[in-house]
Amino acid sequence: MERAEIESKFTELLVSELGLDADKINPGARFEEDLEVDSLGVVELLMALEDEFDVTIPDEEAENLTTVGEAIDLVVAKLA
């Protein structure tokens, strides 16, 4: 799967799962500061990512994710 396709699906998940504005979502957007996603929202998002891309994201990796780009990078690495 191409990175652009992963990024697109990721954006769709953020919009559908968390009700975010697609215009605010970009690789540099920080979950808490820019997108106003609390820690519970991040957990929900990670569970949706695991389901969507059939990957496992351990808690210790998830704790370090602060931006959309970092989360996309993680999924890309898991699918490689």
PDB file of N, CA and C in Angstrom:
ATOM      1  N   MET A   1       0.846  -1.181   0.000  1.00  0.00           N
ATOM      2  CA  MET A   1       0.000   0.000   0.000  1.00  0.00           C
ATOM      3  C   MET A   1       0.893   1.246   0.000  1.00  0.00           C
ATOM      4  N   GLU A   2       0.562   2.172  -0.847  1.00  0.00           N
ATOM      5  CA  GLU A   2       1.337   3.410  -0.971  1.00  0.00           C
ATOM      6  C   GLU A   2       1.081   4.337   0.224  1.00  0.00           C
ATOM      7  N   ARG A   3       2.096   5.143   0.541  1.00  0.00           N
ATOM      8  CA  ARG A   3       1.964   6.082   1.662  1.00  0.00           C
ATOM      9  C   ARG A   3       0.774   7.026   1.460  1.00  0.00           C
ATOM     10  N   ALA A   4       0.576   7.497   0.239  1.00  0.00           N
ATOM     11  CA  ALA A   4      -0.527   8.427  -0.023  1.00  0.00           C
ATOM     12  C   ALA A   4      -1.877   7.772   0.269  1.00  0.00           C
ATOM     13  N   GLU A   5      -1.993   6.493  -0.041  1.00  0.00           N
ATOM     14  CA  GLU A   5      -3.237   5.775   0.229  1.00  0.00           C
ATOM     15  C   GLU A   5      -3.447   5.610   1.742  1.00  0.00           C
ATOM     16  N   ILE A   6      -2.360   5.312   2.455  1.00  0.00           N
ATOM     17  CA  ILE A   6      -2.433   5.194   3.914  1.00  0.00           C
ATOM     18  C   ILE A   6      -2.833   6.537   4.520  1.00  0.00           C
ATOM     19  N   GLU A   7      -2.216   7.599   4.023  1.00  0.00           N
ATOM     20  CA  GLU A   7      -2.521   8.944   4.527  1.00  0.00           C
ATOM     21  C   GLU A   7      -3.989   9.293   4.301  1.00  0.00           C
ATOM     22  N   SER A   8      -4.501   8.943   3.136  1.00  0.00           N
ATOM     23  CA  SER A   8      -5.892   9.221   2.811  1.00  0.00           C
ATOM     24  C   SER A   8      -6.838   8.450   3.734  1.00  0.00           C
ATOM     25  N   LYS A   9      -6.562   7.165   3.936  1.00  0.00           N
ATOM     26  CA  LYS A   9      -7.405   6.353   4.816  1.00  0.00           C
ATOM     27  C   LYS A   9      -7.312   6.845   6.256  1.00  0.00           C
ATOM     28  N   PHE A  10      -6.123   7.279   6.646  1.00  0.00           N
ATOM     29  CA  PHE A  10      -5.914   7.802   7.991  1.00  0.00           C
ATOM     30  C   PHE A  10      -6.774   9.053   8.206  1.00  0.00           C
ATOM     31  N   THR A  11      -6.770   9.935   7.225  1.00  0.00           N
ATOM     32  CA  THR A  11      -7.586  11.150   7.307  1.00  0.00           C
ATOM     33  C   THR A  11      -9.063  10.786   7.412  1.00  0.00           C
ATOM     34  N   GLU A  12      -9.499   9.818   6.613  1.00  0.00           N
ATOM     35  CA  GLU A  12     -10.899   9.376   6.669  1.00  0.00           C
ATOM     36  C   GLU A  12     -11.251   8.854   8.065  1.00  0.00           C
ATOM     37  N   LEU A  13     -10.320   8.107   8.676  1.00  0.00           N
ATOM     38  CA  LEU A  13     -10.551   7.590  10.023  1.00  0.00           C
ATOM     39  C   LEU A  13     -10.675   8.724  11.037  1.00  0.00           C
ATOM     40  N   LEU A  14      -9.808   9.706  10.934  1.00  0.00           N
ATOM     41  CA  LEU A  14      -9.870  10.842  11.855  1.00  0.00           C
ATOM     42  C   LEU A  14     -11.204  11.575  11.739  1.00  0.00           C
ATOM     43  N   VAL A  15     -11.693  11.703  10.520  1.00  0.00           N
ATOM     44  CA  VAL A  15     -12.962  12.391  10.303  1.00  0.00           C
ATOM     45  C   VAL A  15     -14.127  11.531  10.793  1.00  0.00           C
ATOM     46  N   SER A  16     -14.143  10.250  10.423  1.00  0.00           N
ATOM     47  CA  SER A  16     -15.277   9.402  10.780  1.00  0.00           C
ATOM     48  C   SER A  16     -15.280   8.986  12.248  1.00  0.00           C
ATOM     49  N   GLU A  17     -14.113   8.641  12.799  1.00  0.00           N
ATOM     50  CA  GLU A  17     -14.050   8.161  14.179  1.00  0.00           C
ATOM     51  C   GLU A  17     -14.102   9.289  15.209  1.00  0.00           C
ATOM     52  N   LEU A  18     -13.441  10.395  14.907  1.00  0.00           N
ATOM     53  CA  LEU A  18     -13.316  11.457  15.900  1.00  0.00           C
ATOM     54  C   LEU A  18     -14.044  12.740  15.520  1.00  0.00           C
ATOM     55  N   GLY A  19     -14.654  12.757  14.341  1.00  0.00           N
ATOM     56  CA  GLY A  19     -15.417  13.927  13.929  1.00  0.00           C
ATOM     57  C   GLY A  19     -14.580  15.169  13.664  1.00  0.00           C
ATOM     58  N   LEU A  20     -13.328  14.960  13.240  1.00  0.00           N
ATOM     59  CA  LEU A  20     -12.437  16.100  12.997  1.00  0.00           C
ATOM     60  C   LEU A  20     -12.689  16.726  11.633  1.00  0.00           C
ATOM     61  N   ASP A  21     -12.271  17.954  11.491  1.00  0.00           N
ATOM     62  CA  ASP A  21     -12.359  18.692  10.232  1.00  0.00           C
ATOM     63  C   ASP A  21     -11.193  18.274   9.346  1.00  0.00           C
ATOM     64  N   ALA A  22     -11.494  17.723   8.180  1.00  0.00           N
ATOM     65  CA  ALA A  22     -10.454  17.217   7.274  1.00  0.00           C
ATOM     66  C   ALA A  22      -9.455  18.302   6.893  1.00  0.00           C
ATOM     67  N   ASP A  23      -9.889  19.558   6.855  1.00  0.00           N
ATOM     68  CA  ASP A  23      -8.997  20.652   6.470  1.00  0.00           C
ATOM     69  C   ASP A  23      -7.880  20.894   7.494  1.00  0.00           C
ATOM     70  N   LYS A  24      -8.089  20.463   8.733  1.00  0.00           N
ATOM     71  CA  LYS A  24      -7.083  20.672   9.779  1.00  0.00           C
ATOM     72  C   LYS A  24      -6.060  19.536   9.841  1.00  0.00           C
ATOM     73  N   ILE A  25      -6.333  18.449   9.132  1.00  0.00           N
ATOM     74  CA  ILE A  25      -5.491  17.260   9.233  1.00  0.00           C
ATOM     75  C   ILE A  25      -4.355  17.324   8.214  1.00  0.00           C
ATOM     76  N   ASN A  26      -3.124  17.289   8.727  1.00  0.00           N
ATOM     77  CA  ASN A  26      -1.935  17.240   7.879  1.00  0.00           C
ATOM     78  C   ASN A  26      -0.850  16.532   8.683  1.00  0.00           C
ATOM     79  N   PRO A  27       0.218  16.091   8.023  1.00  0.00           N
ATOM     80  CA  PRO A  27       1.249  15.317   8.738  1.00  0.00           C
ATOM     81  C   PRO A  27       1.858  16.030   9.946  1.00  0.00           C
ATOM     82  N   GLY A  28       1.894  17.343   9.931  1.00  0.00           N
ATOM     83  CA  GLY A  28       2.484  18.076  11.046  1.00  0.00           C
ATOM     84  C   GLY A  28       1.517  18.374  12.175  1.00  0.00           C
ATOM     85  N   ALA A  29       0.243  18.073  11.975  1.00  0.00           N
ATOM     86  CA  ALA A  29      -0.771  18.371  12.988  1.00  0.00           C
ATOM     87  C   ALA A  29      -0.563  17.511  14.228  1.00  0.00           C
ATOM     88  N   ARG A  30      -0.512  18.174  15.385  1.00  0.00           N
ATOM     89  CA  ARG A  30      -0.359  17.464  16.656  1.00  0.00           C
ATOM     90  C   ARG A  30      -1.747  17.095  17.173  1.00  0.00           C
ATOM     91  N   PHE A  31      -1.876  15.866  17.663  1.00  0.00           N
ATOM     92  CA  PHE A  31      -3.186  15.388  18.099  1.00  0.00           C
ATOM     93  C   PHE A  31      -3.802  16.281  19.160  1.00  0.00           C
ATOM     94  N   GLU A  32      -3.091  16.522  20.241  1.00  0.00           N
ATOM     95  CA  GLU A  32      -3.687  17.271  21.351  1.00  0.00           C
ATOM     96  C   GLU A  32      -3.756  18.765  21.083  1.00  0.00           C
ATOM     97  N   GLU A  33      -2.648  19.352  20.651  1.00  0.00           N
ATOM     98  CA  GLU A  33      -2.595  20.801  20.516  1.00  0.00           C
ATOM     99  C   GLU A  33      -3.364  21.327  19.303  1.00  0.00           C
ATOM    100  N   ASP A  34      -3.192  20.689  18.147  1.00  0.00           N
ATOM    101  CA  ASP A  34      -3.794  21.208  16.910  1.00  0.00           C
ATOM    102  C   ASP A  34      -5.183  20.639  16.630  1.00  0.00           C
ATOM    103  N   LEU A  35      -5.362  19.357  16.919  1.00  0.00           N
ATOM    104  CA  LEU A  35      -6.623  18.697  16.575  1.00  0.00           C
ATOM    105  C   LEU A  35      -7.545  18.534  17.784  1.00  0.00           C
ATOM    106  N   GLU A  36      -7.045  18.898  18.969  1.00  0.00           N
ATOM    107  CA  GLU A  36      -7.818  18.830  20.202  1.00  0.00           C
ATOM    108  C   GLU A  36      -8.371  17.425  20.468  1.00  0.00           C
ATOM    109  N   VAL A  37      -7.509  16.413  20.243  1.00  0.00           N
ATOM    110  CA  VAL A  37      -7.867  15.028  20.515  1.00  0.00           C
ATOM    111  C   VAL A  37      -7.265  14.660  21.862  1.00  0.00           C
ATOM    112  N   ASP A  38      -8.098  14.243  22.804  1.00  0.00           N
ATOM    113  CA  ASP A  38      -7.578  13.850  24.112  1.00  0.00           C
ATOM    114  C   ASP A  38      -7.000  12.439  24.053  1.00  0.00           C
ATOM    115  N   SER A  39      -6.432  11.990  25.157  1.00  0.00           N
ATOM    116  CA  SER A  39      -5.760  10.694  25.172  1.00  0.00           C
ATOM    117  C   SER A  39      -6.726   9.555  24.848  1.00  0.00           C
ATOM    118  N   LEU A  40      -7.972   9.650  25.281  1.00  0.00           N
ATOM    119  CA  LEU A  40      -8.958   8.631  24.949  1.00  0.00           C
ATOM    120  C   LEU A  40      -9.213   8.604  23.446  1.00  0.00           C
ATOM    121  N   GLY A  41      -9.294   9.777  22.836  1.00  0.00           N
ATOM    122  CA  GLY A  41      -9.478   9.856  21.393  1.00  0.00           C
ATOM    123  C   GLY A  41      -8.327   9.223  20.637  1.00  0.00           C
ATOM    124  N   VAL A  42      -7.107   9.421  21.140  1.00  0.00           N
ATOM    125  CA  VAL A  42      -5.936   8.816  20.498  1.00  0.00           C
ATOM    126  C   VAL A  42      -6.015   7.294  20.595  1.00  0.00           C
ATOM    127  N   VAL A  43      -6.440   6.789  21.754  1.00  0.00           N
ATOM    128  CA  VAL A  43      -6.590   5.343  21.923  1.00  0.00           C
ATOM    129  C   VAL A  43      -7.632   4.796  20.945  1.00  0.00           C
ATOM    130  N   GLU A  44      -8.764   5.488  20.827  1.00  0.00           N
ATOM    131  CA  GLU A  44      -9.802   5.070  19.883  1.00  0.00           C
ATOM    132  C   GLU A  44      -9.268   5.061  18.460  1.00  0.00           C
ATOM    133  N   LEU A  45      -8.508   6.082  18.131  1.00  0.00           N
ATOM    134  CA  LEU A  45      -7.931   6.173  16.801  1.00  0.00           C
ATOM    135  C   LEU A  45      -6.971   5.014  16.544  1.00  0.00           C
ATOM    136  N   LEU A  46      -6.113   4.712  17.510  1.00  0.00           N
ATOM    137  CA  LEU A  46      -5.158   3.623  17.338  1.00  0.00           C
ATOM    138  C   LEU A  46      -5.861   2.283  17.165  1.00  0.00           C
ATOM    139  N   MET A  47      -6.949   2.073  17.887  1.00  0.00           N
ATOM    140  CA  MET A  47      -7.714   0.833  17.711  1.00  0.00           C
ATOM    141  C   MET A  47      -8.314   0.772  16.308  1.00  0.00           C
ATOM    142  N   ALA A  48      -8.806   1.895  15.820  1.00  0.00           N
ATOM    143  CA  ALA A  48      -9.358   1.944  14.465  1.00  0.00           C
ATOM    144  C   ALA A  48      -8.261   1.697  13.426  1.00  0.00           C
ATOM    145  N   LEU A  49      -7.072   2.240  13.673  1.00  0.00           N
ATOM    146  CA  LEU A  49      -5.936   2.008  12.761  1.00  0.00           C
ATOM    147  C   LEU A  49      -5.571   0.537  12.716  1.00  0.00           C
ATOM    148  N   GLU A  50      -5.535  -0.086  13.884  1.00  0.00           N
ATOM    149  CA  GLU A  50      -5.205  -1.512  13.936  1.00  0.00           C
ATOM    150  C   GLU A  50      -6.204  -2.329  13.128  1.00  0.00           C
ATOM    151  N   ASP A  51      -7.482  -1.999  13.260  1.00  0.00           N
ATOM    152  CA  ASP A  51      -8.519  -2.713  12.505  1.00  0.00           C
ATOM    153  C   ASP A  51      -8.414  -2.436  11.010  1.00  0.00           C
ATOM    154  N   GLU A  52      -8.269  -1.179  10.655  1.00  0.00           N
ATOM    155  CA  GLU A  52      -8.249  -0.772   9.242  1.00  0.00           C
ATOM    156  C   GLU A  52      -7.070  -1.372   8.479  1.00  0.00           C
ATOM    157  N   PHE A  53      -5.890  -1.344   9.112  1.00  0.00           N
ATOM    158  CA  PHE A  53      -4.678  -1.769   8.413  1.00  0.00           C
ATOM    159  C   PHE A  53      -4.178  -3.144   8.848  1.00  0.00           C
ATOM    160  N   ASP A  54      -4.923  -3.808   9.761  1.00  0.00           N
ATOM    161  CA  ASP A  54      -4.563  -5.138  10.244  1.00  0.00           C
ATOM    162  C   ASP A  54      -3.135  -5.168  10.783  1.00  0.00           C
ATOM    163  N   VAL A  55      -2.833  -4.227  11.673  1.00  0.00           N
ATOM    164  CA  VAL A  55      -1.524  -4.144  12.327  1.00  0.00           C
ATOM    165  C   VAL A  55      -1.744  -4.107  13.838  1.00  0.00           C
ATOM    166  N   THR A  56      -0.674  -4.336  14.584  1.00  0.00           N
ATOM    167  CA  THR A  56      -0.710  -4.223  16.029  1.00  0.00           C
ATOM    168  C   THR A  56       0.213  -3.087  16.444  1.00  0.00           C
ATOM    169  N   ILE A  57      -0.299  -2.192  17.255  1.00  0.00           N
ATOM    170  CA  ILE A  57       0.494  -1.060  17.734  1.00  0.00           C
ATOM    171  C   ILE A  57       0.627  -1.196  19.247  1.00  0.00           C
ATOM    172  N   PRO A  58       1.803  -1.645  19.721  1.00  0.00           N
ATOM    173  CA  PRO A  58       2.004  -1.798  21.167  1.00  0.00           C
ATOM    174  C   PRO A  58       1.900  -0.454  21.895  1.00  0.00           C
ATOM    175  N   ASP A  59       1.483  -0.520  23.151  1.00  0.00           N
ATOM    176  CA  ASP A  59       1.308   0.696  23.952  1.00  0.00           C
ATOM    177  C   ASP A  59       2.566   1.546  24.009  1.00  0.00           C
ATOM    178  N   GLU A  60       3.732   0.899  24.126  1.00  0.00           N
ATOM    179  CA  GLU A  60       4.970   1.677  24.238  1.00  0.00           C
ATOM    180  C   GLU A  60       5.267   2.469  22.957  1.00  0.00           C
ATOM    181  N   GLU A  61       4.819   1.972  21.809  1.00  0.00           N
ATOM    182  CA  GLU A  61       4.978   2.742  20.566  1.00  0.00           C
ATOM    183  C   GLU A  61       3.914   3.827  20.477  1.00  0.00           C
ATOM    184  N   ALA A  62       2.720   3.508  20.899  1.00  0.00           N
ATOM    185  CA  ALA A  62       1.608   4.456  20.829  1.00  0.00           C
ATOM    186  C   ALA A  62       1.838   5.673  21.716  1.00  0.00           C
ATOM    187  N   GLU A  63       2.495   5.474  22.856  1.00  0.00           N
ATOM    188  CA  GLU A  63       2.732   6.571  23.795  1.00  0.00           C
ATOM    189  C   GLU A  63       3.574   7.693  23.186  1.00  0.00           C
ATOM    190  N   ASN A  64       4.383   7.362  22.199  1.00  0.00           N
ATOM    191  CA  ASN A  64       5.295   8.345  21.608  1.00  0.00           C
ATOM    192  C   ASN A  64       4.699   9.111  20.438  1.00  0.00           C
ATOM    193  N   LEU A  65       3.494   8.754  20.031  1.00  0.00           N
ATOM    194  CA  LEU A  65       2.885   9.413  18.876  1.00  0.00           C
ATOM    195  C   LEU A  65       2.280  10.755  19.281  1.00  0.00           C
ATOM    196  N   THR A  66       2.755  11.814  18.646  1.00  0.00           N
ATOM    197  CA  THR A  66       2.197  13.130  18.958  1.00  0.00           C
ATOM    198  C   THR A  66       1.620  13.816  17.725  1.00  0.00           C
ATOM    199  N   THR A  67       2.040  13.388  16.521  1.00  0.00           N
ATOM    200  CA  THR A  67       1.547  14.033  15.301  1.00  0.00           C
ATOM    201  C   THR A  67       0.920  13.013  14.354  1.00  0.00           C
ATOM    202  N   VAL A  68       0.136  13.522  13.429  1.00  0.00           N
ATOM    203  CA  VAL A  68      -0.475  12.689  12.398  1.00  0.00           C
ATOM    204  C   VAL A  68       0.616  11.992  11.580  1.00  0.00           C
ATOM    205  N   GLY A  69       1.668  12.729  11.232  1.00  0.00           N
ATOM    206  CA  GLY A  69       2.756  12.158  10.437  1.00  0.00           C
ATOM    207  C   GLY A  69       3.445  11.004  11.132  1.00  0.00           C
ATOM    208  N   GLU A  70       3.652  11.117  12.447  1.00  0.00           N
ATOM    209  CA  GLU A  70       4.281  10.029  13.200  1.00  0.00           C
ATOM    210  C   GLU A  70       3.413   8.775  13.176  1.00  0.00           C
ATOM    211  N   ALA A  71       2.114   8.953  13.290  1.00  0.00           N
ATOM    212  CA  ALA A  71       1.208   7.817  13.248  1.00  0.00           C
ATOM    213  C   ALA A  71       1.205   7.161  11.865  1.00  0.00           C
ATOM    214  N   ILE A  72       1.228   7.986  10.830  1.00  0.00           N
ATOM    215  CA  ILE A  72       1.296   7.460   9.469  1.00  0.00           C
ATOM    216  C   ILE A  72       2.609   6.713   9.253  1.00  0.00           C
ATOM    217  N   ASP A  73       3.706   7.290   9.709  1.00  0.00           N
ATOM    218  CA  ASP A  73       5.018   6.634   9.600  1.00  0.00           C
ATOM    219  C   ASP A  73       4.997   5.269  10.273  1.00  0.00           C
ATOM    220  N   LEU A  74       4.354   5.194  11.436  1.00  0.00           N
ATOM    221  CA  LEU A  74       4.289   3.932  12.170  1.00  0.00           C
ATOM    222  C   LEU A  74       3.527   2.883  11.372  1.00  0.00           C
ATOM    223  N   VAL A  75       2.390   3.269  10.807  1.00  0.00           N
ATOM    224  CA  VAL A  75       1.598   2.323  10.009  1.00  0.00           C
ATOM    225  C   VAL A  75       2.386   1.886   8.778  1.00  0.00           C
ATOM    226  N   VAL A  76       3.039   2.837   8.112  1.00  0.00           N
ATOM    227  CA  VAL A  76       3.857   2.494   6.934  1.00  0.00           C
ATOM    228  C   VAL A  76       4.933   1.483   7.324  1.00  0.00           C
ATOM    229  N   ALA A  77       5.595   1.700   8.450  1.00  0.00           N
ATOM    230  CA  ALA A  77       6.640   0.782   8.907  1.00  0.00           C
ATOM    231  C   ALA A  77       6.065  -0.590   9.231  1.00  0.00           C
ATOM    232  N   LYS A  78       4.883  -0.643   9.828  1.00  0.00           N
ATOM    233  CA  LYS A  78       4.260  -1.911  10.165  1.00  0.00           C
ATOM    234  C   LYS A  78       3.862  -2.703   8.918  1.00  0.00           C
ATOM    235  N   LEU A  79       3.499  -1.990   7.862  1.00  0.00           N
ATOM    236  CA  LEU A  79       3.073  -2.652   6.632  1.00  0.00           C
ATOM    237  C   LEU A  79       4.229  -3.029   5.712  1.00  0.00           C
ATOM    238  N   ALA A  80       5.417  -2.510   6.016  1.00  0.00           N
ATOM    239  CA  ALA A  80       6.575  -2.767   5.146  1.00  0.00           C
ATOM    240  C   ALA A  80       7.063  -4.190   5.272  1.00  0.00           C
TER     241      ALA A  80
END
